C-alpha atoms as a PDB file:
ATOM      1  CA  MET A   1     111.871 137.538 104.433  1.00  0.00           C
ATOM      2  CA  ASP A   2     112.956 141.189 104.632  1.00  0.00           C
ATOM      3  CA  THR A   3     109.750 143.157 104.428  1.00  0.00           C
ATOM      4  CA  LYS A   4     110.009 146.622 102.891  1.00  0.00           C
ATOM      5  CA  TYR A   5     108.091 149.266 104.803  1.00  0.00           C
ATOM      6  CA  LEU A   6     107.221 152.501 103.031  1.00  0.00           C
ATOM      7  CA  TYR A   7     105.805 155.337 105.148  1.00  0.00           C
ATOM      8  CA  VAL A   8     103.893 158.057 103.282  1.00  0.00           C
ATOM      9  CA  MET A   9     103.774 161.398 105.108  1.00  0.00           C
ATOM     10  CA  GLY A  10     102.549 164.761 103.870  1.00  0.00           C
ATOM     11  CA  SER A  11     102.631 168.493 104.331  1.00  0.00           C
ATOM     12  CA  GLU A  12      99.091 168.556 105.723  1.00  0.00           C
ATOM     13  CA  SER A  13      95.783 166.720 105.737  1.00  0.00           C
ATOM     14  CA  GLY A  14      94.148 166.532 102.314  1.00  0.00           C
ATOM     15  CA  VAL A  15      97.378 166.744 100.335  1.00  0.00           C
ATOM     16  CA  GLY A  16      96.732 163.313  98.812  1.00  0.00           C
ATOM     17  CA  LYS A  17      98.781 160.823 100.818  1.00  0.00           C
ATOM     18  CA  SER A  18      96.202 158.068 100.343  1.00  0.00           C
ATOM     19  CA  THR A  19      96.113 158.780  96.606  1.00  0.00           C
ATOM     20  CA  VAL A  20      99.870 158.229  96.469  1.00  0.00           C
ATOM     21  CA  CYS A  21      99.552 155.049  98.550  1.00  0.00           C
ATOM     22  CA  MET A  22      96.957 153.680  96.130  1.00  0.00           C
ATOM     23  CA  GLY A  23      99.074 154.580  93.110  1.00  0.00           C
ATOM     24  CA  ILE A  24     102.080 152.749  94.550  1.00  0.00           C
ATOM     25  CA  LEU A  25     100.012 149.655  95.341  1.00  0.00           C
ATOM     26  CA  ALA A  26      98.649 149.701  91.794  1.00  0.00           C
ATOM     27  CA  GLN A  27     102.191 149.943  90.411  1.00  0.00           C
ATOM     28  CA  LEU A  28     103.283 146.993  92.556  1.00  0.00           C
ATOM     29  CA  LEU A  29     100.375 144.867  91.323  1.00  0.00           C
ATOM     30  CA  ALA A  30     101.153 145.828  87.721  1.00  0.00           C
ATOM     31  CA  ALA A  31     104.806 144.912  88.280  1.00  0.00           C
ATOM     32  CA  GLY A  32     103.826 141.343  89.129  1.00  0.00           C
ATOM     33  CA  PHE A  33     103.344 141.285  92.881  1.00  0.00           C
ATOM     34  CA  ASN A  34     100.307 139.335  93.980  1.00  0.00           C
ATOM     35  CA  ALA A  35      97.909 140.810  96.506  1.00  0.00           C
ATOM     36  CA  GLY A  36      99.038 138.394  99.206  1.00  0.00           C
ATOM     37  CA  GLN A  37     102.512 139.926  99.139  1.00  0.00           C
ATOM     38  CA  LEU A  38     101.263 143.449  99.853  1.00  0.00           C
ATOM     39  CA  ALA A  39      99.607 145.280 102.741  1.00  0.00           C
ATOM     40  CA  TYR A  40      98.275 148.742 103.520  1.00  0.00           C
ATOM     41  CA  ILE A  41      97.737 150.273 106.947  1.00  0.00           C
ATOM     42  CA  LYS A  42      96.795 153.628 108.420  1.00  0.00           C
ATOM     43  CA  PRO A  43      97.829 152.989 112.036  1.00  0.00           C
ATOM     44  CA  VAL A  44      96.926 156.447 113.343  1.00  0.00           C
ATOM     45  CA  THR A  45      94.078 158.574 112.033  1.00  0.00           C
ATOM     46  CA  GLN A  46      91.853 161.559 112.657  1.00  0.00           C
ATOM     47  CA  CYS A  47      89.231 160.486 110.107  1.00  0.00           C
ATOM     48  CA  ILE A  48      86.994 157.443 110.459  1.00  0.00           C
ATOM     49  CA  GLU A  49      85.150 157.793 107.143  1.00  0.00           C
ATOM     50  CA  LYS A  50      85.681 155.024 104.599  1.00  0.00           C
ATOM     51  CA  GLN A  51      88.275 156.088 102.030  1.00  0.00           C
ATOM     52  CA  PRO A  52      88.563 154.910  98.396  1.00  0.00           C
ATOM     53  CA  ILE A  53      91.843 153.142  99.133  1.00  0.00           C
ATOM     54  CA  ALA A  54      90.061 150.812 101.560  1.00  0.00           C
ATOM     55  CA  ILE A  55      87.622 149.802  98.829  1.00  0.00           C
ATOM     56  CA  PHE A  56      90.507 149.393  96.379  1.00  0.00           C
ATOM     57  CA  CYS A  57      92.362 147.086  98.780  1.00  0.00           C
ATOM     58  CA  LYS A  58      89.214 145.059  99.439  1.00  0.00           C
ATOM     59  CA  GLN A  59      88.514 144.595  95.743  1.00  0.00           C
ATOM     60  CA  THR A  60      92.118 143.685  94.908  1.00  0.00           C
ATOM     61  CA  LYS A  61      92.352 141.430  98.007  1.00  0.00           C
ATOM     62  CA  ILE A  62      95.267 143.367  99.509  1.00  0.00           C
ATOM     63  CA  SER A  63      95.400 143.030 103.305  1.00  0.00           C
ATOM     64  CA  TYR A  64      94.516 146.363 104.854  1.00  0.00           C
ATOM     65  CA  ILE A  65      93.665 148.258 108.011  1.00  0.00           C
ATOM     66  CA  ASP A  66      92.214 151.646 107.129  1.00  0.00           C
ATOM     67  CA  ILE A  67      91.350 152.722 110.667  1.00  0.00           C
ATOM     68  CA  GLY A  68      94.061 151.834 113.153  1.00  0.00           C
ATOM     69  CA  ASN A  69      93.856 151.364 116.891  1.00  0.00           C
ATOM     70  CA  LEU A  70      94.789 154.987 117.609  1.00  0.00           C
ATOM     71  CA  VAL A  71      92.186 157.566 116.582  1.00  0.00           C
ATOM     72  CA  PHE A  72      92.781 161.193 117.495  1.00  0.00           C
ATOM     73  CA  LYS A  73      89.238 162.093 118.462  1.00  0.00           C
ATOM     74  CA  SER A  74      88.317 165.533 119.783  1.00  0.00           C
ATOM     75  CA  GLY A  75      89.667 165.935 123.297  1.00  0.00           C
ATOM     76  CA  PHE A  76      92.239 163.130 123.042  1.00  0.00           C
ATOM     77  CA  SER A  77      95.178 165.470 123.738  1.00  0.00           C
ATOM     78  CA  ARG A  78      93.503 166.769 126.887  1.00  0.00           C
ATOM     79  CA  ASP A  79      92.771 163.242 128.063  1.00  0.00           C
ATOM     80  CA  PHE A  80      96.387 162.224 127.440  1.00  0.00           C
ATOM     81  CA  ILE A  81      97.813 165.188 129.335  1.00  0.00           C
ATOM     82  CA  ASP A  82      95.384 164.479 132.197  1.00  0.00           C
ATOM     83  CA  GLY A  83      96.628 160.877 132.344  1.00  0.00           C
ATOM     84  CA  LEU A  84      93.348 159.359 131.175  1.00  0.00           C
ATOM     85  CA  THR A  85      94.834 157.392 128.256  1.00  0.00           C
ATOM     86  CA  LYS A  86      97.620 154.882 127.857  1.00  0.00           C
ATOM     87  CA  PRO A  87     101.103 156.410 128.260  1.00  0.00           C
ATOM     88  CA  CYS A  88     103.024 157.345 125.129  1.00  0.00           C
ATOM     89  CA  ASP A  89     105.276 154.291 125.137  1.00  0.00           C
ATOM     90  CA  GLU A  90     102.255 151.975 125.117  1.00  0.00           C
ATOM     91  CA  LEU A  91     100.455 154.002 122.447  1.00  0.00           C
ATOM     92  CA  LEU A  92     103.549 153.880 120.239  1.00  0.00           C
ATOM     93  CA  ALA A  93     104.118 150.183 120.883  1.00  0.00           C
ATOM     94  CA  ASP A  94     100.516 149.395 119.939  1.00  0.00           C
ATOM     95  CA  SER A  95     100.804 151.307 116.657  1.00  0.00           C
ATOM     96  CA  VAL A  96     104.088 149.663 115.709  1.00  0.00           C
ATOM     97  CA  ALA A  97     102.768 146.224 116.666  1.00  0.00           C
ATOM     98  CA  SER A  98      99.793 146.657 114.346  1.00  0.00           C
ATOM     99  CA  ILE A  99     102.134 147.465 111.462  1.00  0.00           C
ATOM    100  CA  LEU A 100     104.406 144.505 112.153  1.00  0.00           C
ATOM    101  CA  SER A 101     101.402 142.220 112.483  1.00  0.00           C
ATOM    102  CA  ILE A 102      99.884 143.083 109.113  1.00  0.00           C
ATOM    103  CA  GLY A 103     103.371 143.011 107.598  1.00  0.00           C
ATOM    104  CA  LYS A 104     104.086 139.431 108.618  1.00  0.00           C
ATOM    105  CA  ASP A 105     105.058 137.381 105.539  1.00  0.00           C
ATOM    106  CA  LYS A 106     104.493 140.410 103.263  1.00  0.00           C
ATOM    107  CA  GLU A 107     107.039 141.796 100.841  1.00  0.00           C
ATOM    108  CA  VAL A 108     105.878 145.417 100.851  1.00  0.00           C
ATOM    109  CA  VAL A 109     103.816 147.307 103.427  1.00  0.00           C
ATOM    110  CA  ILE A 110     102.523 150.808 102.673  1.00  0.00           C
ATOM    111  CA  ILE A 111     101.956 152.919 105.796  1.00  0.00           C
ATOM    112  CA  ASP A 112      99.636 155.898 105.389  1.00  0.00           C
ATOM    113  CA  GLY A 113     100.451 158.780 107.724  1.00  0.00           C
ATOM    114  CA  VAL A 114      98.167 161.295 109.395  1.00  0.00           C
ATOM    115  CA  GLY A 115      98.479 165.019 108.747  1.00  0.00           C
ATOM    116  CA  ASN A 116     101.981 166.474 108.744  1.00  0.00           C
ATOM    117  CA  PRO A 117     105.098 164.687 110.059  1.00  0.00           C
ATOM    118  CA  SER A 118     104.755 166.088 113.593  1.00  0.00           C
ATOM    119  CA  VAL A 119     101.058 165.282 114.097  1.00  0.00           C
ATOM    120  CA  GLY A 120     100.774 163.142 117.216  1.00  0.00           C
ATOM    121  CA  SER A 121     103.876 164.561 118.906  1.00  0.00           C
ATOM    122  CA  VAL A 122     101.787 165.662 121.876  1.00  0.00           C
ATOM    123  CA  VAL A 123     101.135 162.002 122.759  1.00  0.00           C
ATOM    124  CA  GLY A 124     104.518 160.681 121.612  1.00  0.00           C
ATOM    125  CA  VAL A 125     103.131 158.976 118.509  1.00  0.00           C
ATOM    126  CA  SER A 126     103.914 161.308 115.624  1.00  0.00           C
ATOM    127  CA  ASN A 127     104.410 160.026 112.100  1.00  0.00           C
ATOM    128  CA  VAL A 128     108.136 160.428 112.656  1.00  0.00           C
ATOM    129  CA  ASP A 129     108.036 158.543 115.979  1.00  0.00           C
ATOM    130  CA  VAL A 130     106.318 155.581 114.308  1.00  0.00           C
ATOM    131  CA  ALA A 131     108.624 155.633 111.286  1.00  0.00           C
ATOM    132  CA  LEU A 132     111.725 155.675 113.488  1.00  0.00           C
ATOM    133  CA  SER A 133     110.494 152.471 115.140  1.00  0.00           C
ATOM    134  CA  LEU A 134     110.630 150.625 111.802  1.00  0.00           C
ATOM    135  CA  PRO A 135     113.196 149.925 109.075  1.00  0.00           C
ATOM    136  CA  CYS A 136     111.370 152.065 106.548  1.00  0.00           C
ATOM    137  CA  SER A 137     111.791 154.462 103.665  1.00  0.00           C
ATOM    138  CA  VAL A 138     109.675 157.619 103.672  1.00  0.00           C
ATOM    139  CA  ILE A 139     107.800 159.516 100.972  1.00  0.00           C
ATOM    140  CA  PHE A 140     106.869 163.109 101.740  1.00  0.00           C
ATOM    141  CA  VAL A 141     103.879 164.361  99.740  1.00  0.00           C
ATOM    142  CA  GLY A 142     104.124 168.116  99.274  1.00  0.00           C
ATOM    143  CA  LYS A 143     101.509 170.676  98.364  1.00  0.00           C
ATOM    144  CA  PRO A 144     101.711 172.345  94.932  1.00  0.00           C
ATOM    145  CA  GLY A 145     103.499 175.612  94.271  1.00  0.00           C
ATOM    146  CA  ILE A 146     106.998 177.040  94.160  1.00  0.00           C
ATOM    147  CA  GLY A 147     108.031 179.370  96.975  1.00  0.00           C
ATOM    148  CA  ALA A 148     105.540 178.385  99.664  1.00  0.00           C
ATOM    149  CA  ALA A 149     105.701 174.729  98.648  1.00  0.00           C
ATOM    150  CA  ILE A 150     109.495 174.627  98.863  1.00  0.00           C
ATOM    151  CA  ASP A 151     109.468 176.486 102.189  1.00  0.00           C
ATOM    152  CA  ASN A 152     106.978 174.007 103.640  1.00  0.00           C
ATOM    153  CA  THR A 153     108.931 171.036 102.317  1.00  0.00           C
ATOM    154  CA  VAL A 154     112.157 172.304 103.850  1.00  0.00           C
ATOM    155  CA  LEU A 155     110.399 172.858 107.190  1.00  0.00           C
ATOM    156  CA  CYS A 156     108.827 169.384 107.290  1.00  0.00           C
ATOM    157  CA  VAL A 157     111.681 167.362 105.834  1.00  0.00           C
ATOM    158  CA  SER A 158     114.316 169.135 107.940  1.00  0.00           C
ATOM    159  CA  PHE A 159     112.309 168.145 111.013  1.00  0.00           C
ATOM    160  CA  MET A 160     112.143 164.557 109.763  1.00  0.00           C
ATOM    161  CA  GLN A 161     115.887 164.450 109.146  1.00  0.00           C
ATOM    162  CA  TYR A 162     116.680 166.157 112.455  1.00  0.00           C
ATOM    163  CA  LYS A 163     114.747 163.433 114.248  1.00  0.00           C
ATOM    164  CA  GLY A 164     116.777 160.770 112.415  1.00  0.00           C
ATOM    165  CA  LEU A 165     114.884 159.744 109.281  1.00  0.00           C
ATOM    166  CA  SER A 166     116.830 159.144 106.086  1.00  0.00           C
ATOM    167  CA  ASN A 167     116.047 157.886 102.578  1.00  0.00           C
ATOM    168  CA  VAL A 168     113.299 160.453 102.081  1.00  0.00           C
ATOM    169  CA  GLY A 169     111.660 160.717  98.662  1.00  0.00           C
ATOM    170  CA  ILE A 170     109.487 163.685  97.697  1.00  0.00           C
ATOM    171  CA  ILE A 171     106.362 163.818  95.531  1.00  0.00           C
ATOM    172  CA  TYR A 172     104.316 166.947  94.841  1.00  0.00           C
ATOM    173  CA  ASN A 173     100.616 166.286  94.381  1.00  0.00           C
ATOM    174  CA  LYS A 174      97.588 168.122  92.955  1.00  0.00           C
ATOM    175  CA  VAL A 175      99.700 170.414  90.792  1.00  0.00           C
ATOM    176  CA  PRO A 176      97.508 172.525  88.433  1.00  0.00           C
ATOM    177  CA  ALA A 177      97.994 171.415  84.830  1.00  0.00           C
ATOM    178  CA  SER A 178      98.510 175.000  83.694  1.00  0.00           C
ATOM    179  CA  ALA A 179     101.406 175.418  86.126  1.00  0.00           C
ATOM    180  CA  LEU A 180     102.887 171.908  86.026  1.00  0.00           C
ATOM    181  CA  ALA A 181     105.802 172.667  83.695  1.00  0.00           C
ATOM    182  CA  ASP A 182     106.730 175.872  85.510  1.00  0.00           C
ATOM    183  CA  ILE A 183     106.506 174.350  88.993  1.00  0.00           C
ATOM    184  CA  LYS A 184     108.465 171.298  87.922  1.00  0.00           C
ATOM    185  CA  LYS A 185     111.194 173.489  86.386  1.00  0.00           C
ATOM    186  CA  TYR A 186     111.779 175.676  89.428  1.00  0.00           C
ATOM    187  CA  VAL A 187     111.257 173.118  92.181  1.00  0.00           C
ATOM    188  CA  THR A 188     113.535 170.637  90.418  1.00  0.00           C
ATOM    189  CA  LYS A 189     116.209 173.331  90.174  1.00  0.00           C
ATOM    190  CA  ARG A 190     116.026 174.670  93.743  1.00  0.00           C
ATOM    191  CA  LEU A 191     114.942 171.825  96.032  1.00  0.00           C
ATOM    192  CA  PRO A 192     118.107 169.663  95.658  1.00  0.00           C
ATOM    193  CA  GLU A 193     120.174 172.662  96.703  1.00  0.00           C
ATOM    194  CA  LEU A 194     118.215 172.952  99.940  1.00  0.00           C
ATOM    195  CA  LEU A 195     117.669 169.248 100.664  1.00  0.00           C
ATOM    196  CA  PRO A 196     120.571 167.440  98.959  1.00  0.00           C
ATOM    197  CA  ASP A 197     120.013 164.174 100.848  1.00  0.00           C
ATOM    198  CA  THR A 198     116.517 163.634  99.462  1.00  0.00           C
ATOM    199  CA  THR A 199     115.212 162.231  96.173  1.00  0.00           C
ATOM    200  CA  LEU A 200     112.668 164.150  94.114  1.00  0.00           C
ATOM    201  CA  LEU A 201     110.401 161.441  92.720  1.00  0.00           C
ATOM    202  CA  GLY A 202     107.928 163.462  90.665  1.00  0.00           C
ATOM    203  CA  PHE A 203     104.953 165.769  90.316  1.00  0.00           C
ATOM    204  CA  ILE A 204     101.318 164.645  90.073  1.00  0.00           C
ATOM    205  CA  GLY A 205      98.781 166.804  88.283  1.00  0.00           C
ATOM    206  CA  ASP A 206      95.451 167.909  89.666  1.00  0.00           C
ATOM    207  CA  ASP A 207      93.534 165.745  87.184  1.00  0.00           C
ATOM    208  CA  GLN A 208      92.718 163.446  90.100  1.00  0.00           C
ATOM    209  CA  ILE A 209      90.626 160.522  88.887  1.00  0.00           C
ATOM    210  CA  ILE A 210      89.775 159.504  92.432  1.00  0.00           C
ATOM    211  CA  ASP A 211      86.360 161.164  92.151  1.00  0.00           C
ATOM    212  CA  THR A 212      85.457 159.479  88.871  1.00  0.00           C
ATOM    213  CA  ARG A 213      87.100 156.292  87.680  1.00  0.00           C
ATOM    214  CA  TRP A 214      88.679 155.607  91.073  1.00  0.00           C
ATOM    215  CA  LYS A 215      85.246 155.067  92.535  1.00  0.00           C
ATOM    216  CA  GLU A 216      85.013 152.177  90.110  1.00  0.00           C
ATOM    217  CA  HIS A 217      88.517 151.079  91.151  1.00  0.00           C
ATOM    218  CA  ILE A 218      89.731 150.139  87.698  1.00  0.00           C
ATOM    219  CA  GLY A 219      93.284 149.013  88.378  1.00  0.00           C
ATOM    220  CA  GLU A 220      94.532 149.644  84.865  1.00  0.00           C
ATOM    221  CA  ASP A 221      93.252 153.213  84.991  1.00  0.00           C
ATOM    222  CA  ILE A 222      94.860 153.856  88.357  1.00  0.00           C
ATOM    223  CA  VAL A 223      98.298 152.529  87.452  1.00  0.00           C
ATOM    224  CA  GLY A 224      98.203 154.212  84.037  1.00  0.00           C
ATOM    225  CA  TRP A 225      97.276 157.569  85.545  1.00  0.00           C
ATOM    226  CA  PHE A 226      99.791 157.349  88.412  1.00  0.00           C
ATOM    227  CA  SER A 227     102.631 156.094  86.211  1.00  0.00           C
ATOM    228  CA  SER A 228     102.116 158.953  83.781  1.00  0.00           C
ATOM    229  CA  TYR A 229     103.484 161.172  86.544  1.00  0.00           C
ATOM    230  CA  ILE A 230     105.628 158.884  88.725  1.00  0.00           C
ATOM    231  CA  ASP A 231     108.035 156.601  86.878  1.00  0.00           C
ATOM    232  CA  ARG A 232     107.742 153.048  88.194  1.00  0.00           C
ATOM    233  CA  GLN A 233     111.396 152.197  87.590  1.00  0.00           C
ATOM    234  CA  THR A 234     112.603 155.287  89.408  1.00  0.00           C
ATOM    235  CA  LEU A 235     110.272 154.828  92.381  1.00  0.00           C
ATOM    236  CA  LEU A 236     110.252 151.085  92.940  1.00  0.00           C
ATOM    237  CA  CYS A 237     113.696 150.038  91.699  1.00  0.00           C
ATOM    238  CA  ASN A 238     116.124 152.933  91.796  1.00  0.00           C
ATOM    239  CA  TRP A 239     114.858 154.532  94.987  1.00  0.00           C
ATOM    240  CA  LEU A 240     113.022 151.853  96.981  1.00  0.00           C
ATOM    241  CA  GLY A 241     115.359 149.075  95.847  1.00  0.00           C
ATOM    242  CA  ILE A 242     112.754 146.497  94.857  1.00  0.00           C
ATOM    243  CA  THR A 243     113.908 143.845  92.401  1.00  0.00           C
ATOM    244  CA  GLY A 244     112.309 140.796  90.860  1.00  0.00           C
ATOM    245  CA  HIS A 245     108.705 140.594  89.681  1.00  0.00           C
ATOM    246  CA  GLY A 246     109.787 142.034  86.341  1.00  0.00           C
ATOM    247  CA  LEU A 247     111.653 144.875  88.053  1.00  0.00           C
ATOM    248  CA  SER A 248     115.399 145.396  87.823  1.00  0.00           C
END
């Protein structure tokens, strides 16, 4: 079985990477995948608080690891530089091994990144380092806006591509409803000129239901909300290349 690995990175912490991960898992379930064919993992993290996606995976019986074996606690960088932790090759190998382990016999594994693409570089385990160790596609979740958002996307994605990542899809999250049409118009026009080897997958509004219905984890609500912004056919079939399960 050729497992598909999808790594979700973002412009910064709090941009909504986990929200996007949950939306994709909900789309996969709605498309006909059963929970046993899917997995979610956050192999590296800075936050150890329980997130809604962990509860969603538990309730839908999707295999998950929401707190991986590498936690960037305060002082970790100092300890690493002082030689008090495992060396970078072992830290990276451990993170990759955890992903491959949960991905065994799965069809799709969603990997939730930490912070921006370069977070973890100091210890040799950045999002990009982990992604390069796997046969994966990458979604970059950008912050809302036009000028500053495009500038940040170009900075982050250019770094990702420079390091060797390809097949990068881009989603903008938490876009104010009042500005959605305008942002979509100008970003859609300019971004492909600056990053021609990427795929713009869509824009998600700031009507985040994670604080209301998502706490109840109603799958139909999640997939309906997410799919109103991100077309399932475009994301799963045309870009990610998933077929079967009612997809073509």
